[in-house]
PDB file of N, CA and C in Angstrom:
ATOM      1  N   MET A   1      69.108  77.262  94.726  1.00  0.00           N
ATOM      2  CA  MET A   1      70.594  76.763  93.771  1.00  0.00           C
ATOM      3  C   MET A   1      71.493  77.955  93.885  1.00  0.00           C
ATOM      4  N   LYS A   2      71.176  78.940  94.240  1.00  0.00           N
ATOM      5  CA  LYS A   2      71.752  80.281  94.390  1.00  0.00           C
ATOM      6  C   LYS A   2      72.648  80.152  95.723  1.00  0.00           C
ATOM      7  N   LYS A   3      72.234  79.628  96.465  1.00  0.00           N
ATOM      8  CA  LYS A   3      72.842  79.638  97.843  1.00  0.00           C
ATOM      9  C   LYS A   3      73.912  78.366  97.782  1.00  0.00           C
ATOM     10  N   LEU A   4      73.427  77.205  97.175  1.00  0.00           N
ATOM     11  CA  LEU A   4      74.572  76.269  96.904  1.00  0.00           C
ATOM     12  C   LEU A   4      76.026  76.451  96.201  1.00  0.00           C
ATOM     13  N   LEU A   5      75.079  77.251  95.241  1.00  0.00           N
ATOM     14  CA  LEU A   5      76.467  77.727  94.447  1.00  0.00           C
ATOM     15  C   LEU A   5      77.140  78.661  95.141  1.00  0.00           C
ATOM     16  N   LEU A   6      77.113  79.316  95.645  1.00  0.00           N
ATOM     17  CA  LEU A   6      77.653  80.546  96.831  1.00  0.00           C
ATOM     18  C   LEU A   6      78.245  79.837  97.881  1.00  0.00           C
ATOM     19  N   GLY A   7      77.592  78.909  98.343  1.00  0.00           N
ATOM     20  CA  GLY A   7      78.536  78.104  99.432  1.00  0.00           C
ATOM     21  C   GLY A   7      79.600  77.578  98.831  1.00  0.00           C
ATOM     22  N   SER A   8      79.634  76.560  97.793  1.00  0.00           N
ATOM     23  CA  SER A   8      80.716  75.928  97.225  1.00  0.00           C
ATOM     24  C   SER A   8      81.701  76.881  96.864  1.00  0.00           C
ATOM     25  N   VAL A   9      81.396  78.492  96.256  1.00  0.00           N
ATOM     26  CA  VAL A   9      82.479  79.393  95.883  1.00  0.00           C
ATOM     27  C   VAL A   9      83.064  79.735  97.031  1.00  0.00           C
ATOM     28  N   LEU A  10      82.097  79.904  98.342  1.00  0.00           N
ATOM     29  CA  LEU A  10      82.855  80.270  99.445  1.00  0.00           C
ATOM     30  C   LEU A  10      83.645  79.652  99.972  1.00  0.00           C
ATOM     31  N   LEU A  11      83.540  77.912  99.997  1.00  0.00           N
ATOM     32  CA  LEU A  11      84.624  76.802 100.490  1.00  0.00           C
ATOM     33  C   LEU A  11      85.689  76.707  99.496  1.00  0.00           C
ATOM     34  N   VAL A  12      85.657  76.751  98.270  1.00  0.00           N
ATOM     35  CA  VAL A  12      87.138  76.910  97.477  1.00  0.00           C
ATOM     36  C   VAL A  12      88.017  78.076  97.856  1.00  0.00           C
ATOM     37  N   GLY A  13      87.384  79.132  98.007  1.00  0.00           N
ATOM     38  CA  GLY A  13      88.089  80.052  98.759  1.00  0.00           C
ATOM     39  C   GLY A  13      88.684  80.246  99.917  1.00  0.00           C
ATOM     40  N   LEU A  14      87.794  79.505 101.140  1.00  0.00           N
ATOM     41  CA  LEU A  14      88.833  79.101 102.115  1.00  0.00           C
ATOM     42  C   LEU A  14      89.632  78.184 101.798  1.00  0.00           C
ATOM     43  N   MET A  15      89.345  77.213 101.046  1.00  0.00           N
ATOM     44  CA  MET A  15      90.660  76.427 101.085  1.00  0.00           C
ATOM     45  C   MET A  15      91.720  76.493 100.658  1.00  0.00           C
ATOM     46  N   SER A  16      91.852  77.738  99.434  1.00  0.00           N
ATOM     47  CA  SER A  16      92.713  78.415  98.713  1.00  0.00           C
ATOM     48  C   SER A  16      93.748  79.185  99.907  1.00  0.00           C
ATOM     49  N   VAL A  17      93.086  79.856 100.832  1.00  0.00           N
ATOM     50  CA  VAL A  17      93.765  80.733 101.827  1.00  0.00           C
ATOM     51  C   VAL A  17      94.089  79.727 102.767  1.00  0.00           C
ATOM     52  N   ALA A  18      93.578  78.605 103.276  1.00  0.00           N
ATOM     53  CA  ALA A  18      94.230  77.837 104.453  1.00  0.00           C
ATOM     54  C   ALA A  18      95.294  77.048 103.437  1.00  0.00           C
ATOM     55  N   SER A  19      95.390  76.960 102.188  1.00  0.00           N
ATOM     56  CA  SER A  19      96.580  76.432 101.724  1.00  0.00           C
ATOM     57  C   SER A  19      98.067  77.088 101.694  1.00  0.00           C
ATOM     58  N   ALA A  20      97.651  78.263 101.837  1.00  0.00           N
ATOM     59  CA  ALA A  20      98.564  79.265 101.397  1.00  0.00           C
ATOM     60  C   ALA A  20     100.041  79.250 102.566  1.00  0.00           C
ATOM     61  N   ASP A  21     101.526  79.476 102.206  1.00  0.00           N
ATOM     62  CA  ASP A  21     102.274  79.196 103.249  1.00  0.00           C
ATOM     63  C   ASP A  21     102.603  80.427 104.018  1.00  0.00           C
ATOM     64  N   LYS A  22     103.136  80.777 104.787  1.00  0.00           N
ATOM     65  CA  LYS A  22     103.467  82.237 105.583  1.00  0.00           C
ATOM     66  C   LYS A  22     104.932  82.637 105.157  1.00  0.00           C
ATOM     67  N   TYR A  23     104.993  83.679 104.527  1.00  0.00           N
ATOM     68  CA  TYR A  23     106.625  84.049 104.259  1.00  0.00           C
ATOM     69  C   TYR A  23     106.950  85.304 104.755  1.00  0.00           C
ATOM     70  N   GLU A  24     108.222  85.444 105.170  1.00  0.00           N
ATOM     71  CA  GLU A  24     108.522  86.804 105.919  1.00  0.00           C
ATOM     72  C   GLU A  24     109.618  87.390 104.429  1.00  0.00           C
ATOM     73  N   CYS A  25     109.205  88.318 104.314  1.00  0.00           N
ATOM     74  CA  CYS A  25     109.862  89.276 102.636  1.00  0.00           C
ATOM     75  C   CYS A  25     110.629  90.360 103.043  1.00  0.00           C
ATOM     76  N   HIS A  26     112.009  90.504 103.215  1.00  0.00           N
ATOM     77  CA  HIS A  26     112.677  91.370 103.525  1.00  0.00           C
ATOM     78  C   HIS A  26     113.147  92.036 102.600  1.00  0.00           C
ATOM     79  N   ARG A  27     113.028  93.573 102.603  1.00  0.00           N
ATOM     80  CA  ARG A  27     113.044  94.611 101.413  1.00  0.00           C
ATOM     81  C   ARG A  27     114.529  94.993 101.432  1.00  0.00           C
ATOM     82  N   TYR A  28     114.882  95.274 100.298  1.00  0.00           N
ATOM     83  CA  TYR A  28     116.319  95.681  99.838  1.00  0.00           C
ATOM     84  C   TYR A  28     116.628  96.951  99.122  1.00  0.00           C
ATOM     85  N   LYS A  29     117.110  97.946  99.141  1.00  0.00           N
ATOM     86  CA  LYS A  29     117.424  99.352  98.593  1.00  0.00           C
ATOM     87  C   LYS A  29     118.882  99.368  98.476  1.00  0.00           C
ATOM     88  N   ASN A  30     119.083  99.524  96.995  1.00  0.00           N
ATOM     89  CA  ASN A  30     120.531  99.661  96.456  1.00  0.00           C
ATOM     90  C   ASN A  30     121.390  98.156  97.096  1.00  0.00           C
ATOM     91  N   GLY A  31     120.623  97.495  96.906  1.00  0.00           N
ATOM     92  CA  GLY A  31     121.520  96.227  97.329  1.00  0.00           C
ATOM     93  C   GLY A  31     121.762  95.766  99.001  1.00  0.00           C
ATOM     94  N   LYS A  32     121.310  96.801  99.393  1.00  0.00           N
ATOM     95  CA  LYS A  32     121.344  96.609 100.961  1.00  0.00           C
ATOM     96  C   LYS A  32     120.106  96.292 101.560  1.00  0.00           C
ATOM     97  N   SER A  33     120.112  95.700 102.666  1.00  0.00           N
ATOM     98  CA  SER A  33     118.715  95.085 103.474  1.00  0.00           C
ATOM     99  C   SER A  33     118.526  96.534 104.464  1.00  0.00           C
ATOM    100  N   THR A  34     117.482  96.627 104.398  1.00  0.00           N
ATOM    101  CA  THR A  34     116.764  97.844 105.173  1.00  0.00           C
ATOM    102  C   THR A  34     116.267  97.393 106.662  1.00  0.00           C
ATOM    103  N   GLY A  35     116.430  96.286 106.669  1.00  0.00           N
ATOM    104  CA  GLY A  35     116.256  95.661 108.131  1.00  0.00           C
ATOM    105  C   GLY A  35     114.573  95.504 108.553  1.00  0.00           C
ATOM    106  N   GLY A  36     113.824  96.053 107.420  1.00  0.00           N
ATOM    107  CA  GLY A  36     112.201  95.829 107.796  1.00  0.00           C
ATOM    108  C   GLY A  36     111.858  94.452 106.966  1.00  0.00           C
ATOM    109  N   HIS A  37     110.503  94.257 107.209  1.00  0.00           N
ATOM    110  CA  HIS A  37     110.276  93.030 106.803  1.00  0.00           C
ATOM    111  C   HIS A  37     108.677  92.999 106.219  1.00  0.00           C
ATOM    112  N   VAL A  38     107.833  92.165 105.796  1.00  0.00           N
ATOM    113  CA  VAL A  38     106.495  92.491 105.834  1.00  0.00           C
ATOM    114  C   VAL A  38     106.168  90.767 105.706  1.00  0.00           C
ATOM    115  N   THR A  39     105.089  90.335 106.012  1.00  0.00           N
ATOM    116  CA  THR A  39     104.652  88.913 105.880  1.00  0.00           C
ATOM    117  C   THR A  39     103.586  88.876 105.406  1.00  0.00           C
ATOM    118  N   VAL A  40     103.613  87.796 104.228  1.00  0.00           N
ATOM    119  CA  VAL A  40     102.567  87.643 103.308  1.00  0.00           C
ATOM    120  C   VAL A  40     102.352  85.995 103.360  1.00  0.00           C
ATOM    121  N   TYR A  41     100.929  85.825 102.649  1.00  0.00           N
ATOM    122  CA  TYR A  41     100.739  84.088 102.466  1.00  0.00           C
ATOM    123  C   TYR A  41     100.434  84.000 100.957  1.00  0.00           C
ATOM    124  N   ALA A  42     101.371  83.189 101.077  1.00  0.00           N
ATOM    125  CA  ALA A  42     101.411  82.693  99.094  1.00  0.00           C
ATOM    126  C   ALA A  42     101.766  81.153  98.914  1.00  0.00           C
ATOM    127  N   ASN A  43     101.105  80.818  98.091  1.00  0.00           N
ATOM    128  CA  ASN A  43     101.538  79.193  97.425  1.00  0.00           C
ATOM    129  C   ASN A  43     102.805  79.149  97.248  1.00  0.00           C
ATOM    130  N   SER A  44     103.567  80.022  96.684  1.00  0.00           N
ATOM    131  CA  SER A  44     104.764  79.951  96.037  1.00  0.00           C
ATOM    132  C   SER A  44     105.609  81.043  96.612  1.00  0.00           C
ATOM    133  N   LYS A  45     106.881  80.977  96.677  1.00  0.00           N
ATOM    134  CA  LYS A  45     108.093  81.955  96.725  1.00  0.00           C
ATOM    135  C   LYS A  45     107.707  82.886  95.624  1.00  0.00           C
ATOM    136  N   SER A  46     107.857  82.619  94.201  1.00  0.00           N
ATOM    137  CA  SER A  46     107.356  83.572  93.367  1.00  0.00           C
ATOM    138  C   SER A  46     106.329  84.582  93.604  1.00  0.00           C
ATOM    139  N   GLU A  47     105.262  83.913  94.026  1.00  0.00           N
ATOM    140  CA  GLU A  47     103.551  84.500  94.533  1.00  0.00           C
ATOM    141  C   GLU A  47     104.194  85.242  95.670  1.00  0.00           C
ATOM    142  N   ALA A  48     104.827  84.795  96.566  1.00  0.00           N
ATOM    143  CA  ALA A  48     105.270  86.022  97.857  1.00  0.00           C
ATOM    144  C   ALA A  48     105.907  87.020  97.516  1.00  0.00           C
ATOM    145  N   TYR A  49     107.071  86.704  96.655  1.00  0.00           N
ATOM    146  CA  TYR A  49     107.877  88.057  96.123  1.00  0.00           C
ATOM    147  C   TYR A  49     106.819  89.266  95.612  1.00  0.00           C
ATOM    148  N   ASP A  50     105.726  88.602  94.731  1.00  0.00           N
ATOM    149  CA  ASP A  50     105.038  89.734  94.152  1.00  0.00           C
ATOM    150  C   ASP A  50     104.178  90.517  94.809  1.00  0.00           C
ATOM    151  N   LYS A  51     103.378  89.477  95.809  1.00  0.00           N
ATOM    152  CA  LYS A  51     102.757  90.357  96.928  1.00  0.00           C
ATOM    153  C   LYS A  51     103.252  91.047  98.120  1.00  0.00           C
ATOM    154  N   ALA A  52     104.498  90.748  98.035  1.00  0.00           N
ATOM    155  CA  ALA A  52     105.488  91.751  98.934  1.00  0.00           C
ATOM    156  C   ALA A  52     105.900  93.160  98.288  1.00  0.00           C
ATOM    157  N   MET A  53     106.077  92.810  97.299  1.00  0.00           N
ATOM    158  CA  MET A  53     106.553  94.103  96.067  1.00  0.00           C
ATOM    159  C   MET A  53     105.381  95.176  96.051  1.00  0.00           C
ATOM    160  N   GLU A  54     103.962  94.699  96.064  1.00  0.00           N
ATOM    161  CA  GLU A  54     102.864  95.088  95.830  1.00  0.00           C
ATOM    162  C   GLU A  54     102.846  95.750  97.182  1.00  0.00           C
ATOM    163  N   LYS A  55     102.879  95.363  98.352  1.00  0.00           N
ATOM    164  CA  LYS A  55     102.732  95.862  99.753  1.00  0.00           C
ATOM    165  C   LYS A  55     103.516  97.011 100.033  1.00  0.00           C
ATOM    166  N   TYR A  56     104.769  96.820  99.513  1.00  0.00           N
ATOM    167  CA  TYR A  56     105.742  97.748  99.546  1.00  0.00           C
ATOM    168  C   TYR A  56     105.473  99.102  98.687  1.00  0.00           C
ATOM    169  N   ARG A  57     104.960  98.814  97.418  1.00  0.00           N
ATOM    170  CA  ARG A  57     104.778  99.877  96.455  1.00  0.00           C
ATOM    171  C   ARG A  57     103.271 100.380  97.255  1.00  0.00           C
ATOM    172  N   LYS A  58     102.307  99.851  97.695  1.00  0.00           N
ATOM    173  CA  LYS A  58     101.079 100.320  98.288  1.00  0.00           C
ATOM    174  C   LYS A  58     101.914 101.530  99.593  1.00  0.00           C
ATOM    175  N   MET A  59     102.674 100.891 100.361  1.00  0.00           N
ATOM    176  CA  MET A  59     103.311 101.929 101.417  1.00  0.00           C
ATOM    177  C   MET A  59     104.034 102.812 101.147  1.00  0.00           C
ATOM    178  N   HIS A  60     104.957 102.714  99.985  1.00  0.00           N
ATOM    179  CA  HIS A  60     105.314 103.861  99.586  1.00  0.00           C
ATOM    180  C   HIS A  60     104.450 105.060  98.940  1.00  0.00           C
ATOM    181  N   SER A  61     103.446 104.796  98.297  1.00  0.00           N
ATOM    182  CA  SER A  61     102.549 105.633  97.830  1.00  0.00           C
ATOM    183  C   SER A  61     101.854 106.450  98.651  1.00  0.00           C
ATOM    184  N   GLY A  62     101.803 105.883  99.772  1.00  0.00           N
ATOM    185  CA  GLY A  62     100.842 106.306 101.144  1.00  0.00           C
ATOM    186  C   GLY A  62     101.447 107.041 101.971  1.00  0.00           C
ATOM    187  N   LEU A  63     102.922 106.780 102.097  1.00  0.00           N
ATOM    188  CA  LEU A  63     103.581 107.712 103.242  1.00  0.00           C
ATOM    189  C   LEU A  63     104.974 108.280 102.910  1.00  0.00           C
ATOM    190  N   GLY A  64     105.075 108.757 101.825  1.00  0.00           N
ATOM    191  CA  GLY A  64     105.773 109.922 101.479  1.00  0.00           C
ATOM    192  C   GLY A  64     107.231 109.223 100.687  1.00  0.00           C
ATOM    193  N   GLY A  65     107.379 107.790 100.361  1.00  0.00           N
ATOM    194  CA  GLY A  65     108.514 107.701  99.981  1.00  0.00           C
ATOM    195  C   GLY A  65     109.194 106.651 100.956  1.00  0.00           C
ATOM    196  N   GLY A  66     108.446 106.308 102.451  1.00  0.00           N
ATOM    197  CA  GLY A  66     109.524 105.840 103.486  1.00  0.00           C
ATOM    198  C   GLY A  66     109.719 104.265 103.122  1.00  0.00           C
ATOM    199  N   PHE A  67     109.106 103.413 102.338  1.00  0.00           N
ATOM    200  CA  PHE A  67     109.194 102.227 102.577  1.00  0.00           C
ATOM    201  C   PHE A  67     109.383 101.516 100.680  1.00  0.00           C
ATOM    202  N   LYS A  68     110.256 102.315 100.133  1.00  0.00           N
ATOM    203  CA  LYS A  68     110.686 101.993  98.808  1.00  0.00           C
ATOM    204  C   LYS A  68     111.537 100.869  98.849  1.00  0.00           C
ATOM    205  N   ALA A  69     111.168  99.923  97.838  1.00  0.00           N
ATOM    206  CA  ALA A  69     112.011  98.789  97.780  1.00  0.00           C
ATOM    207  C   ALA A  69     112.232  98.311  96.674  1.00  0.00           C
ATOM    208  N   ASP A  70     113.693  97.818  96.225  1.00  0.00           N
ATOM    209  CA  ASP A  70     114.110  97.909  94.739  1.00  0.00           C
ATOM    210  C   ASP A  70     113.921  96.256  94.387  1.00  0.00           C
ATOM    211  N   SER A  71     113.861  95.444  95.844  1.00  0.00           N
ATOM    212  CA  SER A  71     113.797  94.043  95.691  1.00  0.00           C
ATOM    213  C   SER A  71     113.446  93.834  96.859  1.00  0.00           C
ATOM    214  N   VAL A  72     112.761  92.408  96.840  1.00  0.00           N
ATOM    215  CA  VAL A  72     112.757  91.860  98.279  1.00  0.00           C
ATOM    216  C   VAL A  72     113.180  90.235  98.335  1.00  0.00           C
ATOM    217  N   ARG A  73     113.644  89.716  99.582  1.00  0.00           N
ATOM    218  CA  ARG A  73     113.680  88.259  99.144  1.00  0.00           C
ATOM    219  C   ARG A  73     112.768  87.555 100.459  1.00  0.00           C
ATOM    220  N   CYS A  74     112.289  86.550 100.243  1.00  0.00           N
ATOM    221  CA  CYS A  74     110.931  85.880 100.855  1.00  0.00           C
ATOM    222  C   CYS A  74     111.918  84.494 101.223  1.00  0.00           C
ATOM    223  N   LYS A  75     111.453  84.036 102.298  1.00  0.00           N
ATOM    224  CA  LYS A  75     111.688  82.657 103.097  1.00  0.00           C
ATOM    225  C   LYS A  75     110.380  82.444 104.202  1.00  0.00           C
ATOM    226  N   LYS A  76     110.509  81.382 104.152  1.00  0.00           N
ATOM    227  CA  LYS A  76     109.485  80.491 105.182  1.00  0.00           C
ATOM    228  C   LYS A  76     110.156  80.829 106.405  1.00  0.00           C
ATOM    229  N   PRO A  77     109.428  81.257 107.617  1.00  0.00           N
ATOM    230  CA  PRO A  77     110.353  81.618 108.767  1.00  0.00           C
ATOM    231  C   PRO A  77     110.681  80.056 109.134  1.00  0.00           C
ATOM    232  N   ALA A  78     111.380  79.837 110.100  1.00  0.00           N
ATOM    233  CA  ALA A  78     111.936  78.645 110.435  1.00  0.00           C
ATOM    234  C   ALA A  78     111.239  77.763 111.470  1.00  0.00           C
ATOM    235  N   TRP A  79     110.516  78.617 112.363  1.00  0.00           N
ATOM    236  CA  TRP A  79     109.781  77.630 113.016  1.00  0.00           C
ATOM    237  C   TRP A  79     108.664  77.279 112.774  1.00  0.00           C
TER     238      TRP A  79
END
């Protein structure tokens, strides 16, 4: 029974990752684009925004402030 439950949990988890869309999120500092971006996988644009801001927060804390972002703008790649 445990194996069946574990298998179904893993299947649901994989299905949610597979259904996520790819977003490129460009960071902005003082209202200007910095030229950098991160790629995230999310189910919506607002989720992509949250994930990108979290990535930049982690990068900022680990590299002495080089990747601070005031905001990000996310979009799906054209291709």
